[in-house]
All heavy atoms as atom14 arrays in JSON, in Angstrom:
{
  "sequence": "EQELAFDEYTLAKDNVQNMFNKTLKLTKLSSRKDPDLQNRLKLTTGI",
  "atom14_mask": [
    [1, 1, 1, 1, 1, 1, 1, 1, 1, 0, 0, 0, 0, 0],
    [1, 1, 1, 1, 1, 1, 1, 1, 1, 0, 0, 0, 0, 0],
    [1, 1, 1, 1, 1, 1, 1, 1, 1, 0, 0, 0, 0, 0],
    [1, 1, 1, 1, 1, 1, 1, 1, 0, 0, 0, 0, 0, 0],
    [1, 1, 1, 1, 1, 0, 0, 0, 0, 0, 0, 0, 0, 0],
    [1, 1, 1, 1, 1, 1, 1, 1, 1, 1, 1, 0, 0, 0],
    [1, 1, 1, 1, 1, 1, 1, 1, 0, 0, 0, 0, 0, 0],
    [1, 1, 1, 1, 1, 1, 1, 1, 1, 0, 0, 0, 0, 0],
    [1, 1, 1, 1, 1, 1, 1, 1, 1, 1, 1, 1, 0, 0],
    [1, 1, 1, 1, 1, 1, 1, 0, 0, 0, 0, 0, 0, 0],
    [1, 1, 1, 1, 1, 1, 1, 1, 0, 0, 0, 0, 0, 0],
    [1, 1, 1, 1, 1, 0, 0, 0, 0, 0, 0, 0, 0, 0],
    [1, 1, 1, 1, 1, 1, 1, 1, 1, 0, 0, 0, 0, 0],
    [1, 1, 1, 1, 1, 1, 1, 1, 0, 0, 0, 0, 0, 0],
    [1, 1, 1, 1, 1, 1, 1, 1, 0, 0, 0, 0, 0, 0],
    [1, 1, 1, 1, 1, 1, 1, 0, 0, 0, 0, 0, 0, 0],
    [1, 1, 1, 1, 1, 1, 1, 1, 1, 0, 0, 0, 0, 0],
    [1, 1, 1, 1, 1, 1, 1, 1, 0, 0, 0, 0, 0, 0],
    [1, 1, 1, 1, 1, 1, 1, 1, 0, 0, 0, 0, 0, 0],
    [1, 1, 1, 1, 1, 1, 1, 1, 1, 1, 1, 0, 0, 0],
    [1, 1, 1, 1, 1, 1, 1, 1, 0, 0, 0, 0, 0, 0],
    [1, 1, 1, 1, 1, 1, 1, 1, 1, 0, 0, 0, 0, 0],
    [1, 1, 1, 1, 1, 1, 1, 0, 0, 0, 0, 0, 0, 0],
    [1, 1, 1, 1, 1, 1, 1, 1, 0, 0, 0, 0, 0, 0],
    [1, 1, 1, 1, 1, 1, 1, 1, 1, 0, 0, 0, 0, 0],
    [1, 1, 1, 1, 1, 1, 1, 1, 0, 0, 0, 0, 0, 0],
    [1, 1, 1, 1, 1, 1, 1, 0, 0, 0, 0, 0, 0, 0],
    [1, 1, 1, 1, 1, 1, 1, 1, 1, 0, 0, 0, 0, 0],
    [1, 1, 1, 1, 1, 1, 1, 1, 0, 0, 0, 0, 0, 0],
    [1, 1, 1, 1, 1, 1, 0, 0, 0, 0, 0, 0, 0, 0],
    [1, 1, 1, 1, 1, 1, 0, 0, 0, 0, 0, 0, 0, 0],
    [1, 1, 1, 1, 1, 1, 1, 1, 1, 1, 1, 0, 0, 0],
    [1, 1, 1, 1, 1, 1, 1, 1, 1, 0, 0, 0, 0, 0],
    [1, 1, 1, 1, 1, 1, 1, 1, 0, 0, 0, 0, 0, 0],
    [1, 1, 1, 1, 1, 1, 1, 0, 0, 0, 0, 0, 0, 0],
    [1, 1, 1, 1, 1, 1, 1, 1, 0, 0, 0, 0, 0, 0],
    [1, 1, 1, 1, 1, 1, 1, 1, 0, 0, 0, 0, 0, 0],
    [1, 1, 1, 1, 1, 1, 1, 1, 1, 0, 0, 0, 0, 0],
    [1, 1, 1, 1, 1, 1, 1, 1, 0, 0, 0, 0, 0, 0],
    [1, 1, 1, 1, 1, 1, 1, 1, 1, 1, 1, 0, 0, 0],
    [1, 1, 1, 1, 1, 1, 1, 1, 0, 0, 0, 0, 0, 0],
    [1, 1, 1, 1, 1, 1, 1, 1, 1, 0, 0, 0, 0, 0],
    [1, 1, 1, 1, 1, 1, 1, 1, 0, 0, 0, 0, 0, 0],
    [1, 1, 1, 1, 1, 1, 1, 0, 0, 0, 0, 0, 0, 0],
    [1, 1, 1, 1, 1, 1, 1, 0, 0, 0, 0, 0, 0, 0],
    [1, 1, 1, 1, 0, 0, 0, 0, 0, 0, 0, 0, 0, 0],
    [1, 1, 1, 1, 1, 1, 1, 1, 0, 0, 0, 0, 0, 0]
  ],
  "atom14_positions": [
    [[11.11, -25.0, -11.05], [10.34, -23.95, -11.73], [9.43, -23.32, -10.42], [9.21, -22.18, -10.48], [9.49, -24.39, -12.83], [10.23, -24.83, -13.95], [9.46, -25.48, -15.09], [8.17, -25.61, -14.85], [9.94, -25.68, -16.21], [0.0, 0.0, 0.0], [0.0, 0.0, 0.0], [0.0, 0.0, 0.0], [0.0, 0.0, 0.0], [0.0, 0.0, 0.0]],
    [[8.93, -24.16, -9.52], [8.22, -23.64, -8.47], [8.98, -22.81, -7.54], [8.52, -21.56, -7.16], [7.58, -24.84, -7.52], [6.87, -24.27, -6.41], [6.66, -25.42, -5.37], [5.98, -26.38, -5.71], [6.98, -25.16, -4.09], [0.0, 0.0, 0.0], [0.0, 0.0, 0.0], [0.0, 0.0, 0.0], [0.0, 0.0, 0.0], [0.0, 0.0, 0.0]],
    [[10.21, -23.28, -7.22], [11.05, -22.29, -6.34], [11.45, -21.1, -7.08], [11.5, -20.02, -6.37], [12.24, -23.1, -6.04], [12.06, -24.22, -5.11], [13.29, -25.24, -5.0], [14.27, -24.82, -5.38], [13.2, -26.21, -4.3], [0.0, 0.0, 0.0], [0.0, 0.0, 0.0], [0.0, 0.0, 0.0], [0.0, 0.0, 0.0], [0.0, 0.0, 0.0]],
    [[11.67, -21.11, -8.32], [12.0, -19.92, -9.1], [10.92, -18.89, -9.05], [10.92, -17.77, -8.86], [12.45, -20.26, -10.57], [12.88, -19.07, -11.38], [14.07, -18.49, -10.79], [13.06, -19.61, -12.76], [0.0, 0.0, 0.0], [0.0, 0.0, 0.0], [0.0, 0.0, 0.0], [0.0, 0.0, 0.0], [0.0, 0.0, 0.0], [0.0, 0.0, 0.0]],
    [[9.63, -19.44, -9.38], [8.39, -18.63, -9.4], [8.13, -17.91, -8.07], [7.81, -16.74, -7.98], [7.28, -19.36, -9.81], [0.0, 0.0, 0.0], [0.0, 0.0, 0.0], [0.0, 0.0, 0.0], [0.0, 0.0, 0.0], [0.0, 0.0, 0.0], [0.0, 0.0, 0.0], [0.0, 0.0, 0.0], [0.0, 0.0, 0.0], [0.0, 0.0, 0.0]],
    [[8.36, -18.66, -7.0], [8.08, -18.15, -5.6], [9.13, -17.16, -5.17], [8.93, -16.16, -4.63], [8.03, -19.32, -4.6], [6.59, -19.76, -4.26], [6.04, -20.88, -5.1], [5.61, -19.07, -3.44], [4.65, -21.2, -4.96], [4.34, -19.47, -3.3], [3.93, -20.58, -4.02], [0.0, 0.0, 0.0], [0.0, 0.0, 0.0], [0.0, 0.0, 0.0]],
    [[10.34, -17.4, -5.68], [11.42, -16.51, -5.35], [11.26, -15.13, -6.06], [11.29, -13.98, -5.42], [12.81, -16.96, -5.78], [13.38, -18.05, -4.94], [12.83, -18.31, -3.81], [14.31, -18.77, -5.33], [0.0, 0.0, 0.0], [0.0, 0.0, 0.0], [0.0, 0.0, 0.0], [0.0, 0.0, 0.0], [0.0, 0.0, 0.0], [0.0, 0.0, 0.0]],
    [[10.73, -15.21, -7.29], [10.32, -13.97, -8.19], [9.19, -13.27, -7.47], [9.36, -12.09, -7.32], [10.14, -14.34, -9.57], [9.89, -13.28, -10.43], [9.72, -13.69, -11.86], [9.53, -14.88, -12.18], [9.56, -12.79, -12.82], [0.0, 0.0, 0.0], [0.0, 0.0, 0.0], [0.0, 0.0, 0.0], [0.0, 0.0, 0.0], [0.0, 0.0, 0.0]],
    [[8.41, -14.04, -7.03], [7.0, -13.47, -6.46], [7.34, -12.89, -5.09], [6.99, -11.7, -4.9], [6.0, -14.51, -6.23], [4.98, -14.29, -5.22], [4.01, -13.15, -5.45], [4.92, -14.81, -4.0], [3.18, -12.86, -4.54], [4.12, -14.53, -2.99], [3.1, -13.57, -3.13], [2.14, -13.11, -2.34], [0.0, 0.0, 0.0], [0.0, 0.0, 0.0]],
    [[8.21, -13.54, -4.36], [8.53, -12.96, -2.96], [9.36, -11.68, -3.05], [9.04, -10.7, -2.3], [9.31, -14.06, -2.14], [8.54, -15.2, -2.0], [9.66, -13.52, -0.78], [0.0, 0.0, 0.0], [0.0, 0.0, 0.0], [0.0, 0.0, 0.0], [0.0, 0.0, 0.0], [0.0, 0.0, 0.0], [0.0, 0.0, 0.0], [0.0, 0.0, 0.0]],
    [[10.23, -11.64, -3.92], [11.05, -10.41, -4.21], [10.16, -9.29, -4.57], [10.27, -8.2, -4.06], [12.21, -10.65, -5.21], [13.1, -9.47, -5.53], [13.82, -9.0, -4.34], [14.06, -9.77, -6.63], [0.0, 0.0, 0.0], [0.0, 0.0, 0.0], [0.0, 0.0, 0.0], [0.0, 0.0, 0.0], [0.0, 0.0, 0.0], [0.0, 0.0, 0.0]],
    [[9.3, -9.53, -5.62], [8.32, -8.52, -6.08], [7.49, -8.08, -4.94], [7.14, -6.87, -4.83], [7.6, -8.87, -7.22], [0.0, 0.0, 0.0], [0.0, 0.0, 0.0], [0.0, 0.0, 0.0], [0.0, 0.0, 0.0], [0.0, 0.0, 0.0], [0.0, 0.0, 0.0], [0.0, 0.0, 0.0], [0.0, 0.0, 0.0], [0.0, 0.0, 0.0]],
    [[6.9, -9.09, -4.23], [5.92, -8.6, -3.06], [6.64, -7.72, -2.03], [6.01, -6.77, -1.69], [5.56, -10.01, -2.29], [4.73, -9.83, -1.12], [4.28, -11.22, -0.74], [3.49, -11.18, 0.61], [4.37, -10.81, 1.78], [0.0, 0.0, 0.0], [0.0, 0.0, 0.0], [0.0, 0.0, 0.0], [0.0, 0.0, 0.0], [0.0, 0.0, 0.0]],
    [[7.8, -7.99, -1.67], [8.54, -6.99, -0.73], [8.62, -5.69, -1.34], [8.41, -4.73, -0.6], [9.88, -7.71, -0.29], [9.75, -8.85, 0.44], [8.8, -9.18, 1.15], [10.81, -9.66, 0.62], [0.0, 0.0, 0.0], [0.0, 0.0, 0.0], [0.0, 0.0, 0.0], [0.0, 0.0, 0.0], [0.0, 0.0, 0.0], [0.0, 0.0, 0.0]],
    [[9.01, -5.67, -2.56], [9.25, -4.25, -3.27], [8.0, -3.55, -3.45], [7.84, -2.36, -3.06], [9.97, -4.39, -4.56], [11.38, -4.93, -4.28], [12.14, -4.69, -3.38], [11.94, -5.75, -5.52], [0.0, 0.0, 0.0], [0.0, 0.0, 0.0], [0.0, 0.0, 0.0], [0.0, 0.0, 0.0], [0.0, 0.0, 0.0], [0.0, 0.0, 0.0]],
    [[7.03, -4.28, -3.89], [5.59, -3.57, -4.03], [5.0, -3.23, -2.79], [4.37, -2.07, -2.78], [4.76, -4.54, -4.82], [3.33, -4.05, -5.03], [5.26, -4.81, -6.25], [0.0, 0.0, 0.0], [0.0, 0.0, 0.0], [0.0, 0.0, 0.0], [0.0, 0.0, 0.0], [0.0, 0.0, 0.0], [0.0, 0.0, 0.0], [0.0, 0.0, 0.0]],
    [[5.03, -4.03, -1.78], [4.41, -3.61, -0.55], [5.13, -2.44, 0.07], [4.52, -1.51, 0.6], [4.45, -4.78, 0.5], [3.37, -5.88, -0.03], [3.22, -6.94, 1.15], [4.21, -7.37, 1.68], [1.97, -7.41, 1.29], [0.0, 0.0, 0.0], [0.0, 0.0, 0.0], [0.0, 0.0, 0.0], [0.0, 0.0, 0.0], [0.0, 0.0, 0.0]],
    [[6.47, -2.37, 0.08], [7.23, -1.21, 0.55], [6.88, 0.04, -0.15], [6.59, 1.22, 0.44], [8.69, -1.4, 0.5], [9.19, -2.48, 1.49], [8.61, -2.69, 2.45], [10.36, -3.21, 1.15], [0.0, 0.0, 0.0], [0.0, 0.0, 0.0], [0.0, 0.0, 0.0], [0.0, 0.0, 0.0], [0.0, 0.0, 0.0], [0.0, 0.0, 0.0]],
    [[6.69, -0.13, -1.57], [6.31, 1.07, -2.37], [4.85, 1.55, -2.05], [4.67, 2.69, -1.81], [6.37, 0.61, -3.88], [5.78, 1.61, -4.9], [5.53, 0.72, -6.46], [4.1, -0.41, -5.94], [0.0, 0.0, 0.0], [0.0, 0.0, 0.0], [0.0, 0.0, 0.0], [0.0, 0.0, 0.0], [0.0, 0.0, 0.0], [0.0, 0.0, 0.0]],
    [[3.98, 0.57, -1.93], [2.67, 0.85, -1.6], [2.47, 1.52, -0.25], [1.76, 2.53, -0.07], [1.72, -0.25, -1.63], [0.29, -0.08, -1.3], [-0.62, 0.52, -2.19], [-0.06, -0.39, -0.05], [-2.0, 0.84, -1.93], [-1.41, -0.13, 0.44], [-2.3, 0.53, -0.47], [0.0, 0.0, 0.0], [0.0, 0.0, 0.0], [0.0, 0.0, 0.0]],
    [[3.11, 0.83, 0.74], [3.03, 1.48, 2.11], [3.46, 2.9, 2.16], [2.93, 3.79, 2.98], [3.84, 0.58, 3.18], [3.18, -0.74, 3.3], [2.0, -0.87, 3.1], [3.97, -1.75, 3.83], [0.0, 0.0, 0.0], [0.0, 0.0, 0.0], [0.0, 0.0, 0.0], [0.0, 0.0, 0.0], [0.0, 0.0, 0.0], [0.0, 0.0, 0.0]],
    [[4.56, 3.21, 1.52], [5.03, 4.58, 1.46], [3.97, 5.56, 0.9], [3.69, 6.56, 1.44], [6.36, 4.7, 0.59], [6.89, 6.12, 0.54], [8.1, 6.16, -0.48], [8.62, 7.49, -0.77], [9.85, 7.52, -1.64], [0.0, 0.0, 0.0], [0.0, 0.0, 0.0], [0.0, 0.0, 0.0], [0.0, 0.0, 0.0], [0.0, 0.0, 0.0]],
    [[3.38, 5.19, -0.23], [2.38, 6.03, -0.91], [1.07, 6.05, 0.06], [0.54, 7.25, 0.18], [1.85, 5.46, -2.22], [3.02, 5.32, -3.05], [0.74, 6.15, -2.88], [0.0, 0.0, 0.0], [0.0, 0.0, 0.0], [0.0, 0.0, 0.0], [0.0, 0.0, 0.0], [0.0, 0.0, 0.0], [0.0, 0.0, 0.0], [0.0, 0.0, 0.0]],
    [[0.73, 5.02, 0.68], [-0.44, 5.04, 1.55], [-0.15, 6.02, 2.85], [-1.07, 6.8, 3.14], [-0.59, 3.55, 2.22], [-1.84, 3.39, 3.18], [-3.16, 3.86, 2.48], [-1.87, 1.96, 3.68], [0.0, 0.0, 0.0], [0.0, 0.0, 0.0], [0.0, 0.0, 0.0], [0.0, 0.0, 0.0], [0.0, 0.0, 0.0], [0.0, 0.0, 0.0]],
    [[0.94, 5.97, 3.35], [1.33, 6.81, 4.45], [1.27, 8.34, 4.08], [0.7, 9.17, 4.61], [2.65, 6.52, 5.07], [2.78, 5.24, 5.81], [4.29, 4.93, 6.34], [4.21, 3.61, 7.03], [5.64, 3.21, 7.4], [0.0, 0.0, 0.0], [0.0, 0.0, 0.0], [0.0, 0.0, 0.0], [0.0, 0.0, 0.0], [0.0, 0.0, 0.0]],
    [[1.88, 8.64, 2.88], [1.87, 9.9, 2.27], [0.43, 10.41, 1.95], [0.01, 11.58, 2.23], [2.76, 10.12, 1.17], [4.23, 9.94, 1.45], [5.18, 9.93, 0.21], [4.69, 11.09, 2.3], [0.0, 0.0, 0.0], [0.0, 0.0, 0.0], [0.0, 0.0, 0.0], [0.0, 0.0, 0.0], [0.0, 0.0, 0.0], [0.0, 0.0, 0.0]],
    [[-0.31, 9.51, 1.52], [-1.85, 9.81, 1.14], [-2.6, 10.15, 2.38], [-3.35, 11.15, 2.58], [-2.45, 8.72, 0.42], [-1.77, 8.41, -0.88], [-3.93, 8.93, 0.03], [0.0, 0.0, 0.0], [0.0, 0.0, 0.0], [0.0, 0.0, 0.0], [0.0, 0.0, 0.0], [0.0, 0.0, 0.0], [0.0, 0.0, 0.0], [0.0, 0.0, 0.0]],
    [[-2.46, 9.36, 3.42], [-3.08, 9.61, 4.65], [-2.66, 10.99, 5.3], [-3.55, 11.73, 5.91], [-2.87, 8.5, 5.67], [-3.6, 7.16, 5.41], [-3.2, 6.13, 6.43], [-3.99, 4.84, 6.13], [-3.78, 3.82, 7.2], [0.0, 0.0, 0.0], [0.0, 0.0, 0.0], [0.0, 0.0, 0.0], [0.0, 0.0, 0.0], [0.0, 0.0, 0.0]],
    [[-1.38, 11.19, 5.27], [-0.82, 12.41, 5.8], [-1.34, 13.68, 5.04], [-1.72, 14.47, 5.73], [0.82, 12.38, 5.75], [1.45, 13.64, 6.24], [1.33, 13.82, 7.64], [2.99, 13.58, 5.99], [0.0, 0.0, 0.0], [0.0, 0.0, 0.0], [0.0, 0.0, 0.0], [0.0, 0.0, 0.0], [0.0, 0.0, 0.0], [0.0, 0.0, 0.0]],
    [[-1.34, 13.56, 3.68], [-1.77, 14.7, 3.01], [-3.26, 14.98, 2.98], [-3.76, 16.07, 2.65], [-1.39, 14.54, 1.49], [0.1, 14.48, 1.4], [0.0, 0.0, 0.0], [0.0, 0.0, 0.0], [0.0, 0.0, 0.0], [0.0, 0.0, 0.0], [0.0, 0.0, 0.0], [0.0, 0.0, 0.0], [0.0, 0.0, 0.0], [0.0, 0.0, 0.0]],
    [[-4.14, 13.95, 3.49], [-5.52, 14.16, 3.48], [-6.05, 14.15, 4.85], [-7.3, 14.14, 5.07], [-6.11, 12.95, 2.7], [-5.93, 11.75, 3.36], [0.0, 0.0, 0.0], [0.0, 0.0, 0.0], [0.0, 0.0, 0.0], [0.0, 0.0, 0.0], [0.0, 0.0, 0.0], [0.0, 0.0, 0.0], [0.0, 0.0, 0.0], [0.0, 0.0, 0.0]],
    [[-5.27, 14.2, 5.9], [-5.64, 14.09, 7.25], [-6.53, 15.27, 7.62], [-7.42, 15.02, 8.58], [-4.4, 14.04, 8.12], [-3.81, 15.45, 8.35], [-2.4, 15.27, 9.24], [-1.87, 16.48, 9.62], [-1.21, 17.25, 8.73], [-1.02, 16.9, 7.52], [-0.73, 18.42, 9.21], [0.0, 0.0, 0.0], [0.0, 0.0, 0.0], [0.0, 0.0, 0.0]],
    [[-6.53, 16.37, 6.99], [-7.54, 17.34, 7.45], [-8.83, 17.46, 6.56], [-9.6, 18.4, 6.71], [-6.81, 18.69, 7.21], [-5.51, 18.95, 8.14], [-4.92, 20.34, 7.92], [-3.74, 20.5, 8.88], [-3.1, 21.82, 8.72], [0.0, 0.0, 0.0], [0.0, 0.0, 0.0], [0.0, 0.0, 0.0], [0.0, 0.0, 0.0], [0.0, 0.0, 0.0]],
    [[-8.96, 16.44, 5.8], [-10.13, 16.33, 4.86], [-10.92, 14.99, 5.18], [-10.68, 14.04, 4.45], [-9.82, 16.46, 3.51], [-11.1, 16.66, 2.57], [-12.13, 16.28, 3.02], [-10.9, 17.1, 1.43], [0.0, 0.0, 0.0], [0.0, 0.0, 0.0], [0.0, 0.0, 0.0], [0.0, 0.0, 0.0], [0.0, 0.0, 0.0], [0.0, 0.0, 0.0]],
    [[-11.64, 14.81, 6.2], [-12.35, 13.61, 6.51], [-13.13, 13.09, 5.42], [-13.17, 11.75, 5.24], [-13.2, 13.96, 7.84], [-12.56, 15.19, 8.36], [-12.09, 15.85, 7.21], [0.0, 0.0, 0.0], [0.0, 0.0, 0.0], [0.0, 0.0, 0.0], [0.0, 0.0, 0.0], [0.0, 0.0, 0.0], [0.0, 0.0, 0.0], [0.0, 0.0, 0.0]],
    [[-13.8, 13.96, 4.64], [-14.69, 13.48, 3.65], [-13.82, 12.77, 2.48], [-14.17, 11.68, 1.92], [-15.44, 14.64, 2.89], [-16.5, 15.23, 3.91], [-16.98, 14.35, 4.71], [-16.92, 16.24, 3.68], [0.0, 0.0, 0.0], [0.0, 0.0, 0.0], [0.0, 0.0, 0.0], [0.0, 0.0, 0.0], [0.0, 0.0, 0.0], [0.0, 0.0, 0.0]],
    [[-12.65, 13.32, 2.24], [-11.71, 12.81, 1.29], [-11.21, 11.43, 1.76], [-11.21, 10.53, 0.88], [-10.54, 13.74, 0.99], [-9.53, 13.24, 0.03], [-10.0, 12.88, -1.3], [-8.3, 14.2, -0.01], [0.0, 0.0, 0.0], [0.0, 0.0, 0.0], [0.0, 0.0, 0.0], [0.0, 0.0, 0.0], [0.0, 0.0, 0.0], [0.0, 0.0, 0.0]],
    [[-10.89, 11.34, 2.9], [-10.41, 10.2, 3.6], [-11.48, 9.17, 3.41], [-11.16, 7.89, 3.18], [-9.96, 10.34, 4.96], [-8.58, 11.13, 5.03], [-7.92, 10.87, 6.38], [-8.47, 10.42, 7.36], [-6.51, 10.8, 6.24], [0.0, 0.0, 0.0], [0.0, 0.0, 0.0], [0.0, 0.0, 0.0], [0.0, 0.0, 0.0], [0.0, 0.0, 0.0]],
    [[-12.71, 9.34, 3.66], [-13.87, 8.53, 3.56], [-14.03, 7.98, 2.22], [-14.27, 6.83, 1.93], [-15.07, 9.11, 4.03], [-15.26, 9.28, 5.5], [-14.6, 8.45, 6.3], [-16.01, 10.26, 5.97], [0.0, 0.0, 0.0], [0.0, 0.0, 0.0], [0.0, 0.0, 0.0], [0.0, 0.0, 0.0], [0.0, 0.0, 0.0], [0.0, 0.0, 0.0]],
    [[-13.81, 8.96, 1.06], [-14.02, 8.57, -0.2], [-12.82, 7.58, -0.66], [-13.02, 6.71, -1.39], [-14.03, 9.89, -1.09], [-15.26, 10.71, -0.97], [-15.3, 11.63, -2.2], [-14.24, 12.45, -2.52], [-14.06, 13.65, -1.82], [-14.97, 14.08, -0.88], [-13.06, 14.34, -2.04], [0.0, 0.0, 0.0], [0.0, 0.0, 0.0], [0.0, 0.0, 0.0]],
    [[-11.82, 7.87, -0.16], [-10.49, 7.0, -0.35], [-10.49, 5.8, 0.56], [-9.7, 4.83, 0.3], [-9.23, 7.85, -0.19], [-9.02, 8.97, -1.12], [-7.78, 9.65, -0.67], [-8.88, 8.48, -2.57], [0.0, 0.0, 0.0], [0.0, 0.0, 0.0], [0.0, 0.0, 0.0], [0.0, 0.0, 0.0], [0.0, 0.0, 0.0], [0.0, 0.0, 0.0]],
    [[-11.41, 5.77, 1.47], [-11.57, 4.61, 2.43], [-10.28, 4.25, 3.15], [-9.77, 3.26, 3.21], [-11.97, 3.31, 1.62], [-13.29, 3.38, 0.88], [-13.79, 2.07, 0.39], [-15.27, 2.31, -0.26], [-16.22, 2.79, 0.55], [0.0, 0.0, 0.0], [0.0, 0.0, 0.0], [0.0, 0.0, 0.0], [0.0, 0.0, 0.0], [0.0, 0.0, 0.0]],
    [[-9.57, 5.35, 3.52], [-8.31, 5.31, 4.24], [-8.54, 4.94, 5.62], [-7.47, 4.48, 6.32], [-7.55, 6.58, 4.26], [-7.2, 7.1, 2.77], [-6.64, 8.52, 2.84], [-6.25, 6.07, 2.19], [0.0, 0.0, 0.0], [0.0, 0.0, 0.0], [0.0, 0.0, 0.0], [0.0, 0.0, 0.0], [0.0, 0.0, 0.0], [0.0, 0.0, 0.0]],
    [[-9.87, 4.93, 6.15], [-9.94, 4.59, 7.61], [-10.37, 3.05, 7.82], [-10.33, 2.58, 8.91], [-11.03, 5.43, 8.27], [-12.27, 5.33, 7.54], [-10.62, 6.9, 8.17], [0.0, 0.0, 0.0], [0.0, 0.0, 0.0], [0.0, 0.0, 0.0], [0.0, 0.0, 0.0], [0.0, 0.0, 0.0], [0.0, 0.0, 0.0], [0.0, 0.0, 0.0]],
    [[-10.43, 2.29, 6.68], [-10.95, 0.9, 6.84], [-9.76, 0.03, 6.98], [-9.97, -1.17, 7.34], [-11.81, 0.6, 5.6], [-11.04, 0.69, 4.44], [-13.08, 1.43, 5.48], [0.0, 0.0, 0.0], [0.0, 0.0, 0.0], [0.0, 0.0, 0.0], [0.0, 0.0, 0.0], [0.0, 0.0, 0.0], [0.0, 0.0, 0.0], [0.0, 0.0, 0.0]],
    [[-8.54, 0.5, 6.69], [-7.48, -0.48, 6.85], [-7.28, -1.32, 5.48], [-8.06, -1.36, 4.77], [0.0, 0.0, 0.0], [0.0, 0.0, 0.0], [0.0, 0.0, 0.0], [0.0, 0.0, 0.0], [0.0, 0.0, 0.0], [0.0, 0.0, 0.0], [0.0, 0.0, 0.0], [0.0, 0.0, 0.0], [0.0, 0.0, 0.0], [0.0, 0.0, 0.0]],
    [[-6.05, -1.84, 5.53], [-5.71, -2.7, 4.33], [-5.57, -4.13, 4.81], [-5.01, -4.48, 5.8], [-4.29, -2.18, 3.74], [-4.39, -0.78, 3.31], [-3.93, -3.18, 2.58], [-5.29, -0.58, 2.11], [0.0, 0.0, 0.0], [0.0, 0.0, 0.0], [0.0, 0.0, 0.0], [0.0, 0.0, 0.0], [0.0, 0.0, 0.0], [0.0, 0.0, 0.0]]
  ]
}
């Protein structure tokens, strides 16, 4: 059961992180000319 749970978690983790990283990059790209917006979104603090 532990192995099954970790396999399920690991698969989901890879998919979710890839999905989030894509959104994060597009968010940074779309807000790059608005420093105030980037500050509000805390895009400069890193993940």
